[in-house]
Amino acid sequence: MSMTVAGVTVLFNILDQLGAVPSGTVRDCETYVAFLNDWEGRDSRAHAEGTYGSGRFSYDGTVHGKWYCCLKRR
């Protein structure tokens, strides 16, 4: 099963609202990796994936801070 970035974002926000997402959490999805409150981890992974220049993004969690994400190399 493949989820879109928007679908995964909705799922993360639901888990966040339920209090089920502790800080330091890493979500490894099919197309990208998300790090909760860890921009350094995201940047390190983006360098390893070769997506640092154009494959990083972030969004606010609903309760627990900010998700820092990077695309995976295909």
PDB file of N, CA and C in Angstrom:
ATOM      1  N   MET A   1       0.841  -1.175   0.000  1.00  0.00           N
ATOM      2  CA  MET A   1       0.000   0.000   0.000  1.00  0.00           C
ATOM      3  C   MET A   1       0.881   1.232   0.000  1.00  0.00           C
ATOM      4  N   SER A   2       0.588   2.167  -0.844  1.00  0.00           N
ATOM      5  CA  SER A   2       1.364   3.394  -0.956  1.00  0.00           C
ATOM      6  C   SER A   2       0.518   4.581  -0.507  1.00  0.00           C
ATOM      7  N   MET A   3       1.089   5.409   0.369  1.00  0.00           N
ATOM      8  CA  MET A   3       0.387   6.603   0.834  1.00  0.00           C
ATOM      9  C   MET A   3       1.036   7.836   0.233  1.00  0.00           C
ATOM     10  N   THR A   4       0.237   8.845   0.014  1.00  0.00           N
ATOM     11  CA  THR A   4       0.760  10.116  -0.463  1.00  0.00           C
ATOM     12  C   THR A   4       1.340  10.890   0.711  1.00  0.00           C
ATOM     13  N   VAL A   5       2.114  11.925   0.409  1.00  0.00           N
ATOM     14  CA  VAL A   5       2.656  12.787   1.457  1.00  0.00           C
ATOM     15  C   VAL A   5       1.512  13.367   2.280  1.00  0.00           C
ATOM     16  N   ALA A   6       0.450  13.798   1.630  1.00  0.00           N
ATOM     17  CA  ALA A   6      -0.703  14.365   2.345  1.00  0.00           C
ATOM     18  C   ALA A   6      -1.347  13.327   3.260  1.00  0.00           C
ATOM     19  N   GLY A   7      -1.464  12.099   2.790  1.00  0.00           N
ATOM     20  CA  GLY A   7      -2.052  11.039   3.600  1.00  0.00           C
ATOM     21  C   GLY A   7      -1.225  10.720   4.825  1.00  0.00           C
ATOM     22  N   VAL A   8       0.081  10.658   4.663  1.00  0.00           N
ATOM     23  CA  VAL A   8       0.968  10.398   5.792  1.00  0.00           C
ATOM     24  C   VAL A   8       0.919  11.561   6.772  1.00  0.00           C
ATOM     25  N   THR A   9       0.848  12.786   6.258  1.00  0.00           N
ATOM     26  CA  THR A   9       0.753  13.964   7.115  1.00  0.00           C
ATOM     27  C   THR A   9      -0.501  13.893   7.980  1.00  0.00           C
ATOM     28  N   VAL A  10      -1.618  13.517   7.399  1.00  0.00           N
ATOM     29  CA  VAL A  10      -2.864  13.376   8.158  1.00  0.00           C
ATOM     30  C   VAL A  10      -2.704  12.310   9.235  1.00  0.00           C
ATOM     31  N   LEU A  11      -2.115  11.177   8.891  1.00  0.00           N
ATOM     32  CA  LEU A  11      -1.892  10.106   9.858  1.00  0.00           C
ATOM     33  C   LEU A  11      -1.011  10.578  11.005  1.00  0.00           C
ATOM     34  N   PHE A  12       0.094  11.254  10.701  1.00  0.00           N
ATOM     35  CA  PHE A  12       0.978  11.758  11.749  1.00  0.00           C
ATOM     36  C   PHE A  12       0.239  12.720  12.667  1.00  0.00           C
ATOM     37  N   ASN A  13      -0.588  13.594  12.096  1.00  0.00           N
ATOM     38  CA  ASN A  13      -1.322  14.559  12.905  1.00  0.00           C
ATOM     39  C   ASN A  13      -2.327  13.873  13.826  1.00  0.00           C
ATOM     40  N   ILE A  14      -2.965  12.810  13.363  1.00  0.00           N
ATOM     41  CA  ILE A  14      -3.893  12.056  14.212  1.00  0.00           C
ATOM     42  C   ILE A  14      -3.140  11.417  15.369  1.00  0.00           C
ATOM     43  N   LEU A  15      -2.017  10.771  15.079  1.00  0.00           N
ATOM     44  CA  LEU A  15      -1.211  10.167  16.140  1.00  0.00           C
ATOM     45  C   LEU A  15      -0.727  11.217  17.122  1.00  0.00           C
ATOM     46  N   ASP A  16      -0.341  12.375  16.610  1.00  0.00           N
ATOM     47  CA  ASP A  16       0.124  13.472  17.443  1.00  0.00           C
ATOM     48  C   ASP A  16      -0.982  13.934  18.386  1.00  0.00           C
ATOM     49  N   GLN A  17      -2.200  14.069  17.879  1.00  0.00           N
ATOM     50  CA  GLN A  17      -3.330  14.501  18.700  1.00  0.00           C
ATOM     51  C   GLN A  17      -3.650  13.490  19.793  1.00  0.00           C
ATOM     52  N   LEU A  18      -3.422  12.225  19.516  1.00  0.00           N
ATOM     53  CA  LEU A  18      -3.676  11.180  20.501  1.00  0.00           C
ATOM     54  C   LEU A  18      -2.567  11.088  21.541  1.00  0.00           C
ATOM     55  N   GLY A  19      -1.514  11.856  21.362  1.00  0.00           N
ATOM     56  CA  GLY A  19      -0.392  11.801  22.290  1.00  0.00           C
ATOM     57  C   GLY A  19       0.462  10.572  22.092  1.00  0.00           C
ATOM     58  N   ALA A  20       0.389   9.969  20.918  1.00  0.00           N
ATOM     59  CA  ALA A  20       1.087   8.716  20.650  1.00  0.00           C
ATOM     60  C   ALA A  20       2.424   8.916  19.956  1.00  0.00           C
ATOM     61  N   VAL A  21       2.904  10.147  19.895  1.00  0.00           N
ATOM     62  CA  VAL A  21       4.132  10.428  19.157  1.00  0.00           C
ATOM     63  C   VAL A  21       5.144  11.108  20.077  1.00  0.00           C
ATOM     64  N   PRO A  22       6.049  10.338  20.692  1.00  0.00           N
ATOM     65  CA  PRO A  22       7.042  10.959  21.570  1.00  0.00           C
ATOM     66  C   PRO A  22       8.104  11.713  20.784  1.00  0.00           C
ATOM     67  N   SER A  23       8.690  12.736  21.409  1.00  0.00           N
ATOM     68  CA  SER A  23       9.760  13.497  20.769  1.00  0.00           C
ATOM     69  C   SER A  23      10.904  12.560  20.417  1.00  0.00           C
ATOM     70  N   GLY A  24      11.570  12.837  19.316  1.00  0.00           N
ATOM     71  CA  GLY A  24      12.651  11.979  18.854  1.00  0.00           C
ATOM     72  C   GLY A  24      12.172  10.863  17.949  1.00  0.00           C
ATOM     73  N   THR A  25      10.883  10.812  17.692  1.00  0.00           N
ATOM     74  CA  THR A  25      10.300   9.778  16.847  1.00  0.00           C
ATOM     75  C   THR A  25      10.718   9.962  15.394  1.00  0.00           C
ATOM     76  N   VAL A  26      10.998   8.848  14.742  1.00  0.00           N
ATOM     77  CA  VAL A  26      11.317   8.852  13.313  1.00  0.00           C
ATOM     78  C   VAL A  26      10.282   7.985  12.614  1.00  0.00           C
ATOM     79  N   ARG A  27       9.682   8.530  11.559  1.00  0.00           N
ATOM     80  CA  ARG A  27       8.734   7.780  10.739  1.00  0.00           C
ATOM     81  C   ARG A  27       9.373   7.550   9.378  1.00  0.00           C
ATOM     82  N   ASP A  28       9.565   6.293   9.028  1.00  0.00           N
ATOM     83  CA  ASP A  28      10.206   5.933   7.769  1.00  0.00           C
ATOM     84  C   ASP A  28       9.131   5.440   6.806  1.00  0.00           C
ATOM     85  N   CYS A  29       8.762   6.285   5.870  1.00  0.00           N
ATOM     86  CA  CYS A  29       7.699   5.982   4.905  1.00  0.00           C
ATOM     87  C   CYS A  29       8.314   5.541   3.576  1.00  0.00           C
ATOM     88  N   GLU A  30       7.473   5.210   2.635  1.00  0.00           N
ATOM     89  CA  GLU A  30       7.946   4.738   1.334  1.00  0.00           C
ATOM     90  C   GLU A  30       8.716   5.814   0.574  1.00  0.00           C
ATOM     91  N   THR A  31       8.244   7.048   0.609  1.00  0.00           N
ATOM     92  CA  THR A  31       8.855   8.108  -0.195  1.00  0.00           C
ATOM     93  C   THR A  31       9.651   9.126   0.601  1.00  0.00           C
ATOM     94  N   TYR A  32       9.443   9.189   1.904  1.00  0.00           N
ATOM     95  CA  TYR A  32      10.202  10.143   2.710  1.00  0.00           C
ATOM     96  C   TYR A  32      10.340   9.670   4.146  1.00  0.00           C
ATOM     97  N   VAL A  33      11.217  10.343   4.885  1.00  0.00           N
ATOM     98  CA  VAL A  33      11.454  10.061   6.292  1.00  0.00           C
ATOM     99  C   VAL A  33      11.117  11.319   7.075  1.00  0.00           C
ATOM    100  N   ALA A  34      10.437  11.166   8.210  1.00  0.00           N
ATOM    101  CA  ALA A  34      10.045  12.307   9.038  1.00  0.00           C
ATOM    102  C   ALA A  34      10.642  12.163  10.434  1.00  0.00           C
ATOM    103  N   PHE A  35      11.192  13.245  10.938  1.00  0.00           N
ATOM    104  CA  PHE A  35      11.812  13.297  12.257  1.00  0.00           C
ATOM    105  C   PHE A  35      11.064  14.318  13.101  1.00  0.00           C
ATOM    106  N   LEU A  36      10.594  13.921  14.271  1.00  0.00           N
ATOM    107  CA  LEU A  36       9.879  14.847  15.138  1.00  0.00           C
ATOM    108  C   LEU A  36      10.875  15.665  15.948  1.00  0.00           C
ATOM    109  N   ASN A  37      10.836  16.980  15.768  1.00  0.00           N
ATOM    110  CA  ASN A  37      11.684  17.927  16.504  1.00  0.00           C
ATOM    111  C   ASN A  37      13.177  17.645  16.343  1.00  0.00           C
ATOM    112  N   ASP A  38      13.588  17.159  15.179  1.00  0.00           N
ATOM    113  CA  ASP A  38      15.001  16.820  14.962  1.00  0.00           C
ATOM    114  C   ASP A  38      15.434  17.224  13.552  1.00  0.00           C
ATOM    115  N   TRP A  39      15.678  18.523  13.362  1.00  0.00           N
ATOM    116  CA  TRP A  39      16.096  18.999  12.040  1.00  0.00           C
ATOM    117  C   TRP A  39      17.493  18.508  11.695  1.00  0.00           C
ATOM    118  N   GLU A  40      18.349  18.295  12.696  1.00  0.00           N
ATOM    119  CA  GLU A  40      19.699  17.801  12.415  1.00  0.00           C
ATOM    120  C   GLU A  40      19.656  16.371  11.879  1.00  0.00           C
ATOM    121  N   GLY A  41      18.791  15.536  12.452  1.00  0.00           N
ATOM    122  CA  GLY A  41      18.619  14.174  11.956  1.00  0.00           C
ATOM    123  C   GLY A  41      18.098  14.165  10.534  1.00  0.00           C
ATOM    124  N   ARG A  42      17.124  15.041  10.259  1.00  0.00           N
ATOM    125  CA  ARG A  42      16.579  15.171   8.903  1.00  0.00           C
ATOM    126  C   ARG A  42      17.654  15.590   7.918  1.00  0.00           C
ATOM    127  N   ASP A  43      18.457  16.602   8.298  1.00  0.00           N
ATOM    128  CA  ASP A  43      19.496  17.091   7.391  1.00  0.00           C
ATOM    129  C   ASP A  43      20.556  16.029   7.133  1.00  0.00           C
ATOM    130  N   SER A  44      20.914  15.283   8.172  1.00  0.00           N
ATOM    131  CA  SER A  44      21.892  14.206   8.012  1.00  0.00           C
ATOM    132  C   SER A  44      21.362  13.139   7.055  1.00  0.00           C
ATOM    133  N   ARG A  45      20.110  12.755   7.220  1.00  0.00           N
ATOM    134  CA  ARG A  45      19.507  11.749   6.338  1.00  0.00           C
ATOM    135  C   ARG A  45      19.379  12.280   4.912  1.00  0.00           C
ATOM    136  N   ALA A  46      19.037  13.573   4.775  1.00  0.00           N
ATOM    137  CA  ALA A  46      18.916  14.176   3.442  1.00  0.00           C
ATOM    138  C   ALA A  46      20.260  14.150   2.716  1.00  0.00           C
ATOM    139  N   HIS A  47      21.352  14.407   3.433  1.00  0.00           N
ATOM    140  CA  HIS A  47      22.684  14.310   2.821  1.00  0.00           C
ATOM    141  C   HIS A  47      22.931  12.876   2.348  1.00  0.00           C
ATOM    142  N   ALA A  48      22.611  11.895   3.193  1.00  0.00           N
ATOM    143  CA  ALA A  48      22.828  10.488   2.848  1.00  0.00           C
ATOM    144  C   ALA A  48      21.970  10.058   1.657  1.00  0.00           C
ATOM    145  N   GLU A  49      20.762  10.593   1.560  1.00  0.00           N
ATOM    146  CA  GLU A  49      19.849  10.249   0.464  1.00  0.00           C
ATOM    147  C   GLU A  49      20.142  11.028  -0.811  1.00  0.00           C
ATOM    148  N   GLY A  50      20.947  12.096  -0.701  1.00  0.00           N
ATOM    149  CA  GLY A  50      21.223  12.943  -1.859  1.00  0.00           C
ATOM    150  C   GLY A  50      20.078  13.894  -2.177  1.00  0.00           C
ATOM    151  N   THR A  51      19.252  14.196  -1.174  1.00  0.00           N
ATOM    152  CA  THR A  51      18.088  15.064  -1.389  1.00  0.00           C
ATOM    153  C   THR A  51      18.163  16.355  -0.580  1.00  0.00           C
ATOM    154  N   TYR A  52      19.350  16.693  -0.088  1.00  0.00           N
ATOM    155  CA  TYR A  52      19.490  17.877   0.765  1.00  0.00           C
ATOM    156  C   TYR A  52      19.106  19.161   0.039  1.00  0.00           C
ATOM    157  N   GLY A  53      19.495  19.308  -1.214  1.00  0.00           N
ATOM    158  CA  GLY A  53      19.268  20.548  -1.950  1.00  0.00           C
ATOM    159  C   GLY A  53      17.819  20.835  -2.297  1.00  0.00           C
ATOM    160  N   SER A  54      17.042  19.806  -2.572  1.00  0.00           N
ATOM    161  CA  SER A  54      15.671  20.081  -3.020  1.00  0.00           C
ATOM    162  C   SER A  54      14.646  19.085  -2.487  1.00  0.00           C
ATOM    163  N   GLY A  55      14.992  18.343  -1.462  1.00  0.00           N
ATOM    164  CA  GLY A  55      14.055  17.340  -0.964  1.00  0.00           C
ATOM    165  C   GLY A  55      13.763  17.426   0.517  1.00  0.00           C
ATOM    166  N   ARG A  56      13.947  18.608   1.107  1.00  0.00           N
ATOM    167  CA  ARG A  56      13.656  18.771   2.534  1.00  0.00           C
ATOM    168  C   ARG A  56      12.413  19.637   2.719  1.00  0.00           C
ATOM    169  N   PHE A  57      11.611  19.302   3.721  1.00  0.00           N
ATOM    170  CA  PHE A  57      10.459  20.130   4.061  1.00  0.00           C
ATOM    171  C   PHE A  57      10.091  19.877   5.517  1.00  0.00           C
ATOM    172  N   SER A  58       9.242  20.718   6.057  1.00  0.00           N
ATOM    173  CA  SER A  58       8.792  20.548   7.435  1.00  0.00           C
ATOM    174  C   SER A  58       7.364  21.049   7.564  1.00  0.00           C
ATOM    175  N   TYR A  59       6.712  20.613   8.628  1.00  0.00           N
ATOM    176  CA  TYR A  59       5.373  21.117   8.930  1.00  0.00           C
ATOM    177  C   TYR A  59       5.135  21.002  10.428  1.00  0.00           C
ATOM    178  N   ASP A  60       4.264  21.851  10.932  1.00  0.00           N
ATOM    179  CA  ASP A  60       3.948  21.864  12.354  1.00  0.00           C
ATOM    180  C   ASP A  60       3.074  20.676  12.711  1.00  0.00           C
ATOM    181  N   GLY A  61       3.439  19.998  13.805  1.00  0.00           N
ATOM    182  CA  GLY A  61       2.573  18.967  14.357  1.00  0.00           C
ATOM    183  C   GLY A  61       1.423  19.644  15.086  1.00  0.00           C
ATOM    184  N   THR A  62       0.358  18.927  15.315  1.00  0.00           N
ATOM    185  CA  THR A  62      -0.794  19.547  15.960  1.00  0.00           C
ATOM    186  C   THR A  62      -0.604  19.709  17.460  1.00  0.00           C
ATOM    187  N   VAL A  63       0.244  18.896  18.065  1.00  0.00           N
ATOM    188  CA  VAL A  63       0.455  18.966  19.509  1.00  0.00           C
ATOM    189  C   VAL A  63       1.936  19.007  19.873  1.00  0.00           C
ATOM    190  N   HIS A  64       2.735  18.172  19.266  1.00  0.00           N
ATOM    191  CA  HIS A  64       4.090  17.902  19.740  1.00  0.00           C
ATOM    192  C   HIS A  64       5.225  18.592  19.013  1.00  0.00           C
ATOM    193  N   GLY A  65       5.053  19.698  18.386  1.00  0.00           N
ATOM    194  CA  GLY A  65       6.187  20.380  17.772  1.00  0.00           C
ATOM    195  C   GLY A  65       6.161  20.341  16.265  1.00  0.00           C
ATOM    196  N   LYS A  66       7.323  20.072  15.676  1.00  0.00           N
ATOM    197  CA  LYS A  66       7.475  20.182  14.224  1.00  0.00           C
ATOM    198  C   LYS A  66       8.056  18.889  13.651  1.00  0.00           C
ATOM    199  N   TRP A  67       7.509  18.472  12.503  1.00  0.00           N
ATOM    200  CA  TRP A  67       8.043  17.338  11.760  1.00  0.00           C
ATOM    201  C   TRP A  67       9.007  17.866  10.707  1.00  0.00           C
ATOM    202  N   TYR A  68      10.231  17.348  10.716  1.00  0.00           N
ATOM    203  CA  TYR A  68      11.247  17.688   9.718  1.00  0.00           C
ATOM    204  C   TYR A  68      11.404  16.472   8.817  1.00  0.00           C
ATOM    205  N   CYS A  69      11.197  16.662   7.524  1.00  0.00           N
ATOM    206  CA  CYS A  69      11.115  15.545   6.582  1.00  0.00           C
ATOM    207  C   CYS A  69      12.108  15.695   5.435  1.00  0.00           C
ATOM    208  N   CYS A  70      12.484  14.561   4.858  1.00  0.00           N
ATOM    209  CA  CYS A  70      13.286  14.579   3.635  1.00  0.00           C
ATOM    210  C   CYS A  70      12.821  13.444   2.732  1.00  0.00           C
ATOM    211  N   LEU A  71      12.879  13.717   1.447  1.00  0.00           N
ATOM    212  CA  LEU A  71      12.527  12.705   0.463  1.00  0.00           C
ATOM    213  C   LEU A  71      13.614  11.645   0.393  1.00  0.00           C
ATOM    214  N   LYS A  72      13.213  10.434   0.058  1.00  0.00           N
ATOM    215  CA  LYS A  72      14.174   9.360  -0.163  1.00  0.00           C
ATOM    216  C   LYS A  72      14.599   9.361  -1.623  1.00  0.00           C
ATOM    217  N   ARG A  73      15.793   8.857  -1.850  1.00  0.00           N
ATOM    218  CA  ARG A  73      16.263   8.671  -3.219  1.00  0.00           C
ATOM    219  C   ARG A  73      15.480   7.520  -3.833  1.00  0.00           C
ATOM    220  N   ARG A  74      15.109   7.647  -5.069  1.00  0.00           N
ATOM    221  CA  ARG A  74      14.336   6.577  -5.719  1.00  0.00           C
ATOM    222  C   ARG A  74      15.234   5.598  -6.394  1.00  0.00           C
TER     223      ARG A  74
END
